[in-house]
Amino acid sequence: MKGGLVARDGTILHAERRPTPRAEGPDAVVAAVSAFVTALTEHHPAPGCGSASGFVPGPATGSAPRAVGLVVPGLVTPARAVFSAAFGWRDVPAEAFTDVDLPVALGHDVRAAGEAELAHGLPGDAPSGDVLFVPIGTGIAGAVALSGSLYGGASGWAGQIGHIPVRPGGLPCGCGQRGCLSAYASAGAVAARCGETSAEEVLRRVRRGDAHARQVWDDAVETLALALATYTLLLDPELVVIGGGLSLAGPALIGPLRDRLAARLAFRRPPRVRASRLGPDAGLLGAALLAWRAT
């Protein structure tokens, strides 16, 4: 979990991380989020901040946070977290995540991160405004921007690219299907398939020449290229931005991904692919944007 206090201009005034107790079940995760929110509201930063994961701190004179922006994965409405394959919860009302006496704005983690990319990371980089933002962390989803505006679809749930079937009948996914992209290319899946606690450890093994780690990494890149080729042929993005923790792999991910995506689009040019300029802060900044709107 990432949390912090963020000023209206996007300056991160305070940030911290806490472990997500996934193994203890969905109720434990919800309780941990609530405790984190409470702790952040009690951290009073310098004047003029907003908070994310999030909050918005007090007026221009300073003091306590003014609102909470909370973003979570899965299917989300402003009133509740409908479903999360990553954490196993269903129909969790927004008020269950926090008991602080502040306005609370609940949103989708990836869509919020996409908003942050549009606000802080993309100006001038994609003139058409047709961009796919794909954070890769515990799971995978996408924020779809069409002509510079985020597209939510009929139910507001567009962008569930992590559950595109890339290996029909393949590995089981937390959503109940088999062969989903998330089961191969999420940072959590990469780590689990190698018996490690993080994808970073897997990449270290790859660089040491470990054959199993190399196969897992190659599977992740190949399945991600397959999903992005499908998306490209449908919506023709100008730019694909890879975010989340796995984007920190840099050239070890982005270079091979560009090559494999191009190979799957033999009759047309591929979209540009690059790592997020906001890195792991995109979700935090997106949560802050939600919080400021709630004030």
Protein backbone atom coordinates (compact mmCIF):
# COMPACT_ATOMS: atom_id res chain seq x y z
CA MET A 1 0.00 0.00 0.00
CA LYS A 2 1.20 3.50 -0.83
CA GLY A 3 -0.06 6.58 0.96
CA GLY A 4 0.85 10.18 1.41
CA LEU A 5 -0.03 13.83 1.57
CA VAL A 6 -0.08 15.77 -1.67
CA ALA A 7 -0.41 19.47 -2.44
CA ARG A 8 -2.88 20.77 -5.01
CA ASP A 9 -0.07 21.23 -7.55
CA GLY A 10 0.92 17.55 -7.25
CA THR A 11 3.87 18.05 -4.90
CA ILE A 12 4.22 14.98 -2.67
CA LEU A 13 4.82 16.34 0.82
CA HIS A 14 4.88 13.02 2.63
CA ALA A 15 4.80 9.42 1.40
CA GLU A 16 5.12 5.99 2.94
CA ARG A 17 4.42 2.34 2.22
CA ARG A 18 2.92 -0.47 4.23
CA PRO A 19 2.61 -4.17 3.47
CA THR A 20 -0.73 -5.45 2.21
CA PRO A 21 -1.81 -8.47 4.30
CA ARG A 22 -3.23 -10.41 1.34
CA ALA A 23 -2.61 -13.81 2.94
CA GLU A 24 -4.89 -12.88 5.86
CA GLY A 25 -7.94 -12.40 3.67
CA PRO A 26 -10.02 -9.48 2.37
CA ASP A 27 -11.26 -8.29 5.78
CA ALA A 28 -7.68 -7.91 6.98
CA VAL A 29 -6.80 -5.90 3.88
CA VAL A 30 -9.76 -3.54 4.38
CA ALA A 31 -8.79 -3.08 8.04
CA ALA A 32 -5.18 -2.37 7.08
CA VAL A 33 -6.27 0.27 4.57
CA SER A 34 -8.45 1.93 7.21
CA ALA A 35 -5.58 1.98 9.74
CA PHE A 36 -3.26 3.46 7.11
CA VAL A 37 -5.76 6.22 6.28
CA THR A 38 -6.13 7.08 9.96
CA ALA A 39 -2.36 7.25 10.44
CA LEU A 40 -1.95 9.53 7.43
CA THR A 41 -4.63 11.94 8.63
CA GLU A 42 -2.69 12.28 11.88
CA HIS A 43 0.49 13.22 10.02
CA HIS A 44 0.25 17.00 9.65
CA PRO A 45 2.63 18.23 6.94
CA ALA A 46 3.73 21.69 5.96
CA PRO A 47 1.09 24.25 4.92
CA GLY A 48 -0.89 23.85 1.75
CA CYS A 49 -1.00 20.08 1.27
CA GLY A 50 -3.39 17.53 -0.11
CA SER A 51 -3.40 13.91 0.78
CA ALA A 52 -3.58 10.75 -1.27
CA SER A 53 -4.17 7.08 -0.97
CA GLY A 54 -4.68 9.49 -0.07
CA PHE A 55 -5.57 12.86 1.27
CA VAL A 56 -5.79 16.54 0.84
CA PRO A 57 -4.38 18.54 3.74
CA GLY A 58 -5.64 21.73 5.13
CA PRO A 59 -6.18 25.13 3.68
CA ALA A 60 -3.38 27.34 2.43
CA THR A 61 -2.46 28.03 6.03
CA GLY A 62 -1.69 24.36 6.70
CA SER A 63 -2.98 21.96 9.41
CA ALA A 64 -4.76 18.64 8.94
CA PRO A 65 -5.82 16.89 5.72
CA ARG A 66 -9.08 18.02 4.17
CA ALA A 67 -10.17 14.94 2.19
CA VAL A 68 -9.26 11.36 1.41
CA GLY A 69 -8.71 9.99 -2.06
CA LEU A 70 -8.75 6.19 -1.89
CA VAL A 71 -8.05 4.05 -4.96
CA VAL A 72 -8.29 0.27 -5.10
CA PRO A 73 -8.04 -2.42 -7.80
CA GLY A 74 -10.79 -4.42 -9.47
CA LEU A 75 -14.33 -3.29 -10.27
CA VAL A 76 -15.06 -0.03 -8.45
CA THR A 77 -17.89 2.49 -8.26
CA PRO A 78 -17.82 5.76 -6.28
CA ALA A 79 -19.88 4.01 -3.58
CA ARG A 80 -18.21 0.61 -3.28
CA ALA A 81 -15.42 -1.74 -4.26
CA VAL A 82 -17.47 -4.27 -6.21
CA PHE A 83 -14.84 -7.00 -6.77
CA SER A 84 -11.10 -7.49 -6.57
CA ALA A 85 -9.42 -10.62 -7.92
CA ALA A 86 -6.19 -9.54 -6.23
CA PHE A 87 -7.68 -9.34 -2.71
CA GLY A 88 -10.85 -11.42 -2.90
CA TRP A 89 -13.31 -8.83 -1.63
CA ARG A 90 -16.83 -8.29 -2.96
CA ASP A 91 -19.20 -5.33 -2.47
CA VAL A 92 -17.17 -3.43 0.13
CA PRO A 93 -18.80 0.00 0.77
CA ALA A 94 -16.52 3.02 0.61
CA GLU A 95 -17.10 3.82 4.29
CA ALA A 96 -15.64 0.43 5.31
CA PHE A 97 -12.19 1.57 4.21
CA THR A 98 -12.00 4.50 6.63
CA ASP A 99 -13.72 5.90 9.70
CA VAL A 100 -12.11 9.35 9.59
CA ASP A 101 -14.41 12.38 9.61
CA LEU A 102 -13.39 13.68 6.18
CA PRO A 103 -14.84 13.62 2.67
CA VAL A 104 -13.80 10.35 1.01
CA ALA A 105 -13.56 9.81 -2.76
CA LEU A 106 -13.28 6.15 -3.82
CA GLY A 107 -11.89 5.31 -7.23
CA HIS A 108 -10.13 2.72 -9.35
CA ASP A 109 -6.38 2.61 -8.83
CA VAL A 110 -5.40 2.33 -12.49
CA ARG A 111 -7.90 4.87 -13.79
CA ALA A 112 -6.72 7.33 -11.12
CA ALA A 113 -3.11 6.67 -12.08
CA GLY A 114 -4.06 7.29 -15.70
CA GLU A 115 -5.54 10.64 -14.72
CA ALA A 116 -2.28 11.50 -13.00
CA GLU A 117 -0.36 10.55 -16.13
CA LEU A 118 -2.58 12.80 -18.23
CA ALA A 119 -2.17 15.66 -15.75
CA HIS A 120 1.51 15.32 -14.89
CA GLY A 121 3.30 12.85 -17.15
CA LEU A 122 2.07 13.19 -20.75
CA PRO A 123 1.81 16.85 -21.80
CA GLY A 124 3.14 17.18 -25.37
CA ASP A 125 4.10 13.49 -25.59
CA ALA A 126 1.00 12.16 -27.37
CA PRO A 127 -0.70 14.87 -29.47
CA SER A 128 -3.63 12.64 -30.45
CA GLY A 129 -4.44 11.93 -26.81
CA ASP A 130 -4.90 8.23 -27.63
CA VAL A 131 -2.89 6.50 -24.91
CA LEU A 132 -3.01 3.25 -22.99
CA PHE A 133 -1.53 3.37 -19.48
CA VAL A 134 -0.73 -0.08 -18.04
CA PRO A 135 0.55 -0.25 -14.47
CA ILE A 136 2.01 -3.66 -13.65
CA GLY A 137 2.09 -4.52 -9.97
CA THR A 138 0.10 -6.98 -7.85
CA GLY A 139 -2.21 -7.24 -10.87
CA ILE A 140 -2.58 -5.58 -14.26
CA ALA A 141 -5.21 -3.21 -15.60
CA GLY A 142 -5.26 -0.39 -18.11
CA ALA A 143 -6.41 3.21 -18.20
CA VAL A 144 -7.76 4.00 -21.66
CA ALA A 145 -7.41 7.57 -22.90
CA LEU A 146 -9.19 8.49 -26.13
CA SER A 147 -8.62 11.97 -27.58
CA GLY A 148 -7.19 13.05 -24.23
CA SER A 149 -10.10 11.85 -22.09
CA LEU A 150 -10.31 8.71 -19.99
CA TYR A 151 -12.77 6.18 -21.34
CA GLY A 152 -14.68 4.13 -18.80
CA GLY A 153 -17.03 2.09 -20.98
CA ALA A 154 -20.70 1.29 -20.37
CA SER A 155 -20.21 0.45 -16.68
CA GLY A 156 -17.08 2.48 -15.99
CA TRP A 157 -14.97 -0.70 -15.94
CA ALA A 158 -13.09 -0.46 -19.23
CA GLY A 159 -9.41 -1.36 -19.19
CA GLN A 160 -9.42 -4.81 -17.53
CA ILE A 161 -6.56 -5.86 -19.78
CA GLY A 162 -5.12 -8.11 -17.07
CA HIS A 163 -7.95 -10.56 -17.68
CA ILE A 164 -7.48 -10.90 -21.42
CA PRO A 165 -6.92 -14.65 -22.03
CA VAL A 166 -3.39 -15.00 -23.36
CA ARG A 167 -2.99 -18.74 -22.70
CA PRO A 168 -6.45 -20.37 -23.00
CA GLY A 169 -6.69 -23.14 -20.42
CA GLY A 170 -3.45 -21.93 -18.84
CA LEU A 171 -2.56 -20.94 -15.29
CA PRO A 172 -5.42 -20.16 -12.88
CA CYS A 173 -6.15 -16.50 -12.14
CA GLY A 174 -7.67 -14.99 -9.01
CA CYS A 175 -10.65 -13.81 -11.07
CA GLY A 176 -11.77 -17.42 -11.58
CA GLN A 177 -10.61 -17.76 -15.19
CA ARG A 178 -7.53 -19.52 -16.52
CA GLY A 179 -4.78 -18.17 -18.76
CA CYS A 180 -5.25 -14.46 -17.97
CA LEU A 181 -2.48 -11.97 -18.63
CA SER A 182 -2.25 -11.22 -14.89
CA ALA A 183 -1.41 -14.87 -14.18
CA TYR A 184 1.75 -14.52 -16.30
CA ALA A 185 2.84 -10.89 -16.45
CA SER A 186 1.87 -9.19 -13.18
CA ALA A 187 4.73 -8.54 -10.79
CA GLY A 188 2.99 -10.76 -8.25
CA ALA A 189 2.71 -13.65 -10.72
CA VAL A 190 6.32 -13.31 -11.89
CA ALA A 191 7.53 -13.47 -8.28
CA ALA A 192 5.22 -16.35 -7.31
CA ARG A 193 6.18 -18.50 -10.30
CA CYS A 194 9.82 -18.28 -9.21
CA GLY A 195 9.14 -18.72 -5.49
CA GLU A 196 10.37 -15.19 -4.75
CA THR A 197 8.86 -12.32 -2.79
CA SER A 198 9.32 -9.74 -5.56
CA ALA A 199 9.77 -9.47 -9.32
CA GLU A 200 12.98 -7.59 -8.59
CA GLU A 201 14.47 -10.80 -7.16
CA VAL A 202 13.40 -12.67 -10.29
CA LEU A 203 15.14 -10.11 -12.48
CA ARG A 204 18.32 -10.52 -10.43
CA ARG A 205 18.17 -14.25 -11.10
CA VAL A 206 17.65 -13.59 -14.82
CA ARG A 207 20.78 -11.46 -14.88
CA ARG A 208 22.70 -14.24 -13.14
CA GLY A 209 21.68 -16.67 -15.89
CA ASP A 210 19.00 -18.65 -14.05
CA ALA A 211 17.14 -20.65 -16.72
CA HIS A 212 13.81 -20.93 -14.86
CA ALA A 213 13.73 -17.22 -14.03
CA ARG A 214 14.53 -16.44 -17.67
CA GLN A 215 11.59 -18.56 -18.84
CA VAL A 216 9.21 -16.87 -16.42
CA TRP A 217 10.44 -13.42 -17.49
CA ASP A 218 10.13 -14.32 -21.16
CA ASP A 219 6.58 -15.60 -20.57
CA ALA A 220 5.71 -12.27 -18.94
CA VAL A 221 7.08 -10.21 -21.82
CA GLU A 222 5.54 -12.42 -24.50
CA THR A 223 2.06 -12.49 -22.98
CA LEU A 224 2.16 -8.74 -22.36
CA ALA A 225 3.11 -8.19 -26.02
CA LEU A 226 0.22 -10.42 -27.09
CA ALA A 227 -2.31 -8.46 -25.00
CA LEU A 228 -0.96 -5.12 -26.22
CA ALA A 229 -1.14 -6.29 -29.85
CA THR A 230 -4.82 -7.15 -29.33
CA TYR A 231 -5.46 -3.73 -27.80
CA THR A 232 -3.51 -1.96 -30.56
CA LEU A 233 -5.47 -3.64 -33.34
CA LEU A 234 -8.75 -2.58 -31.70
CA LEU A 235 -8.03 1.00 -30.60
CA ASP A 236 -4.82 2.09 -32.34
CA PRO A 237 -3.11 4.00 -29.49
CA GLU A 238 -0.37 6.47 -30.24
CA LEU A 239 1.48 5.60 -27.04
CA VAL A 240 1.57 2.79 -24.47
CA VAL A 241 2.89 3.79 -21.04
CA ILE A 242 4.04 0.99 -18.75
CA GLY A 243 3.83 1.89 -15.06
CA GLY A 244 3.78 0.22 -11.69
CA GLY A 245 6.60 -1.55 -9.92
CA LEU A 246 7.55 -3.74 -12.88
CA SER A 247 8.28 -0.64 -14.98
CA LEU A 248 11.33 -0.09 -12.76
CA ALA A 249 12.96 -2.99 -14.64
CA GLY A 250 13.58 -0.38 -17.34
CA PRO A 251 15.34 -1.64 -20.49
CA ALA A 252 15.08 -5.28 -19.33
CA LEU A 253 11.32 -4.99 -19.84
CA ILE A 254 10.72 -2.12 -22.26
CA GLY A 255 13.28 -3.13 -24.91
CA PRO A 256 12.11 -6.75 -25.35
CA LEU A 257 8.47 -5.65 -25.09
CA ARG A 258 8.88 -3.19 -27.97
CA ASP A 259 10.51 -5.87 -30.12
CA ARG A 260 7.88 -8.53 -29.42
CA LEU A 261 4.98 -6.13 -29.89
CA ALA A 262 6.40 -5.07 -33.27
CA ALA A 263 6.78 -8.72 -34.27
CA ARG A 264 3.06 -9.30 -33.60
CA LEU A 265 2.06 -6.31 -35.74
CA ALA A 266 3.84 -7.27 -38.93
CA PHE A 267 1.60 -5.30 -41.30
CA ARG A 268 1.56 -2.02 -39.36
CA ARG A 269 3.79 0.15 -37.20
CA PRO A 270 3.49 -0.47 -33.48
CA PRO A 271 2.64 2.31 -31.03
CA ARG A 272 5.48 3.83 -29.06
CA VAL A 273 6.10 2.10 -25.73
CA ARG A 274 7.83 3.73 -22.78
CA ALA A 275 8.01 3.54 -19.02
CA SER A 276 5.94 5.94 -16.93
CA ARG A 277 7.66 9.17 -15.94
CA LEU A 278 5.70 9.16 -12.69
CA GLY A 279 6.78 5.63 -11.80
CA PRO A 280 5.18 4.12 -8.69
CA ASP A 281 3.88 7.59 -7.68
CA ALA A 282 1.19 7.66 -10.38
CA GLY A 283 -1.46 5.98 -8.22
CA LEU A 284 -0.67 8.22 -5.26
CA LEU A 285 -0.99 11.34 -7.41
CA GLY A 286 -4.22 10.02 -8.94
CA ALA A 287 -5.68 9.46 -5.48
CA ALA A 288 -4.74 13.02 -4.59
CA LEU A 289 -6.60 14.34 -7.65
CA LEU A 290 -9.73 12.54 -6.40
CA ALA A 291 -9.26 13.95 -2.93
CA TRP A 292 -8.89 17.54 -4.10
CA ARG A 293 -12.11 17.22 -6.13
CA ALA A 294 -13.89 16.12 -2.94
CA THR A 295 -13.00 19.34 -1.07
